[in-house]
Amino acid sequence: MKLSVVALLIAGTALVTVPVMAHHSFAAEYDSKRQVTIKGIVTKVDWMNPHVYFYLDVQDEKGNVVNWALEMGPPGLLSRSGWTRNTMKVGDEVTVEGTMAKDGSNQANARSVTMTNTGKKLGAASSESTKE
């Protein structure tokens, strides 16, 4: 019986700490002084907590296609700002305004996303709201 109680306590503690460890602060990963605007084709959308991620194929200055990872806010916040799970689909062309990762990788925190086919601009972070 004691072993079962200890096992439950350990499992409960693990369930509480894993989401906390997975979540990070903006300042820990992104450099607010390094703004970026990129245009590309959506290759993947991961609509899940704690943050929505999407990936773009972007042509660099040498003509090479580079895949970028872009982080947005949580799904609930995005839904309240006009997003749905199907707003952005694989193959869509978008323009993203955001903030570069501190490590210099092809990763950014998206502040807003403009859909090329409609011109609709949507806020992608908690600091932005839906814009038409």
Protein backbone atom coordinates (compact mmCIF):
# COMPACT_ATOMS: atom_id res chain seq x y z
CA MET A 1 0.00 0.00 0.00
CA LYS A 2 2.80 2.42 0.89
CA LEU A 3 4.48 1.73 -2.46
CA SER A 4 1.27 2.62 -4.33
CA VAL A 5 0.91 5.93 -2.49
CA VAL A 6 4.55 6.82 -3.17
CA ALA A 7 4.17 5.88 -6.85
CA LEU A 8 1.05 8.06 -7.15
CA LEU A 9 2.82 11.00 -5.52
CA ILE A 10 5.78 10.67 -7.90
CA ALA A 11 3.50 10.37 -10.93
CA GLY A 12 1.46 13.39 -9.81
CA THR A 13 4.57 15.47 -9.30
CA ALA A 14 5.86 14.50 -12.75
CA LEU A 15 2.57 15.49 -14.39
CA VAL A 16 2.70 18.92 -12.77
CA THR A 17 6.38 19.66 -13.47
CA VAL A 18 6.61 18.48 -17.09
CA PRO A 19 4.30 21.21 -18.51
CA VAL A 20 6.11 23.84 -16.45
CA MET A 21 9.49 22.73 -17.80
CA ALA A 22 8.15 22.63 -21.37
CA HIS A 23 6.91 26.21 -21.20
CA HIS A 24 9.52 28.96 -21.54
CA SER A 25 9.69 32.70 -21.36
CA PHE A 26 9.95 34.84 -24.48
CA ALA A 27 13.14 36.51 -23.22
CA ALA A 28 14.84 33.16 -22.69
CA GLU A 29 14.64 32.22 -26.38
CA TYR A 30 14.08 35.36 -28.46
CA ASP A 31 15.98 38.61 -28.94
CA SER A 32 13.45 41.47 -28.94
CA LYS A 33 15.97 43.72 -30.72
CA ARG A 34 16.21 41.38 -33.75
CA GLN A 35 12.99 41.79 -35.73
CA VAL A 36 12.45 39.79 -38.91
CA THR A 37 9.94 39.70 -41.79
CA ILE A 38 9.90 36.54 -43.87
CA LYS A 39 7.69 35.24 -46.67
CA GLY A 40 7.32 31.59 -47.49
CA ILE A 41 5.22 28.51 -48.05
CA VAL A 42 3.70 26.66 -45.08
CA THR A 43 5.08 23.12 -44.81
CA LYS A 44 3.59 22.05 -41.46
CA VAL A 45 1.26 23.36 -38.71
CA ASP A 46 1.32 21.97 -35.15
CA TRP A 47 -1.83 23.29 -33.46
CA MET A 48 -1.28 22.23 -29.85
CA ASN A 49 -0.48 23.51 -26.37
CA PRO A 50 1.48 25.18 -24.99
CA HIS A 51 2.27 27.04 -28.26
CA VAL A 52 1.27 26.64 -31.89
CA TYR A 53 4.23 26.11 -34.21
CA PHE A 54 4.29 26.30 -37.98
CA TYR A 55 7.06 25.81 -40.50
CA LEU A 56 7.83 27.72 -43.68
CA ASP A 57 10.04 27.08 -46.67
CA VAL A 58 11.74 30.44 -47.27
CA GLN A 59 14.11 31.35 -50.09
CA ASP A 60 17.31 32.93 -48.73
CA GLU A 61 19.42 35.62 -50.43
CA LYS A 62 21.40 32.93 -52.31
CA GLY A 63 18.26 31.29 -53.70
CA ASN A 64 18.41 28.30 -51.35
CA VAL A 65 15.21 27.10 -49.70
CA VAL A 66 15.52 27.11 -45.92
CA ASN A 67 12.90 25.76 -43.51
CA TRP A 68 11.97 28.10 -40.64
CA ALA A 69 10.22 27.20 -37.38
CA LEU A 70 7.81 29.85 -36.11
CA GLU A 71 6.18 29.95 -32.70
CA MET A 72 2.83 31.56 -31.99
CA GLY A 73 0.70 31.89 -28.87
CA PRO A 74 -1.39 29.09 -27.38
CA PRO A 75 -4.36 27.73 -29.37
CA GLY A 76 -6.98 29.23 -27.02
CA LEU A 77 -5.55 32.73 -27.32
CA LEU A 78 -5.24 32.43 -31.10
CA SER A 79 -8.85 31.21 -31.36
CA ARG A 80 -10.04 34.30 -29.49
CA SER A 81 -8.03 36.42 -31.96
CA GLY A 82 -9.72 35.00 -35.05
CA TRP A 83 -7.60 31.93 -35.79
CA THR A 84 -8.96 28.43 -36.34
CA ARG A 85 -7.09 25.19 -36.73
CA ASN A 86 -7.64 25.56 -40.50
CA THR A 87 -6.79 29.25 -40.99
CA MET A 88 -3.31 28.35 -42.25
CA LYS A 89 -2.79 25.17 -44.26
CA VAL A 90 0.17 23.40 -45.82
CA GLY A 91 0.86 25.07 -49.18
CA ASP A 92 -0.38 28.53 -48.15
CA GLU A 93 1.94 31.46 -48.77
CA VAL A 94 2.29 33.80 -45.78
CA THR A 95 4.33 36.77 -44.61
CA VAL A 96 5.43 36.69 -40.99
CA GLU A 97 6.60 39.56 -38.81
CA GLY A 98 8.40 38.35 -35.73
CA THR A 99 11.41 38.20 -33.47
CA MET A 100 14.52 36.10 -34.13
CA ALA A 101 15.76 33.34 -31.85
CA LYS A 102 18.76 34.28 -29.71
CA ASP A 103 20.77 31.30 -30.96
CA GLY A 104 20.76 32.54 -34.58
CA SER A 105 18.84 29.53 -35.88
CA ASN A 106 16.06 29.70 -38.45
CA GLN A 107 13.48 30.13 -35.72
CA ALA A 108 11.36 33.10 -34.75
CA ASN A 109 8.46 34.07 -32.55
CA ALA A 110 5.68 35.20 -34.89
CA ARG A 111 4.02 38.49 -33.95
CA SER A 112 1.67 38.59 -36.95
CA VAL A 113 0.90 36.51 -40.02
CA THR A 114 -0.50 37.88 -43.28
CA MET A 115 -2.22 35.41 -45.59
CA THR A 116 -1.04 36.17 -49.15
CA ASN A 117 -4.19 34.84 -50.87
CA THR A 118 -6.58 37.04 -48.84
CA GLY A 119 -4.38 39.81 -47.44
CA LYS A 120 -5.83 39.10 -44.00
CA LYS A 121 -3.41 39.91 -41.17
CA LEU A 122 -3.81 38.04 -37.89
CA GLY A 123 -2.02 38.58 -34.62
CA ALA A 124 0.01 35.54 -33.63
CA ALA A 125 1.20 36.46 -30.14
CA SER A 126 -0.45 37.62 -26.94
CA SER A 127 0.68 41.18 -27.65
CA GLU A 128 -1.15 41.36 -31.01
CA SER A 129 -4.82 41.39 -31.86
CA THR A 130 -6.66 40.42 -35.04
CA LYS A 131 -6.22 42.99 -37.81
CA GLU A 132 -8.11 43.26 -41.06
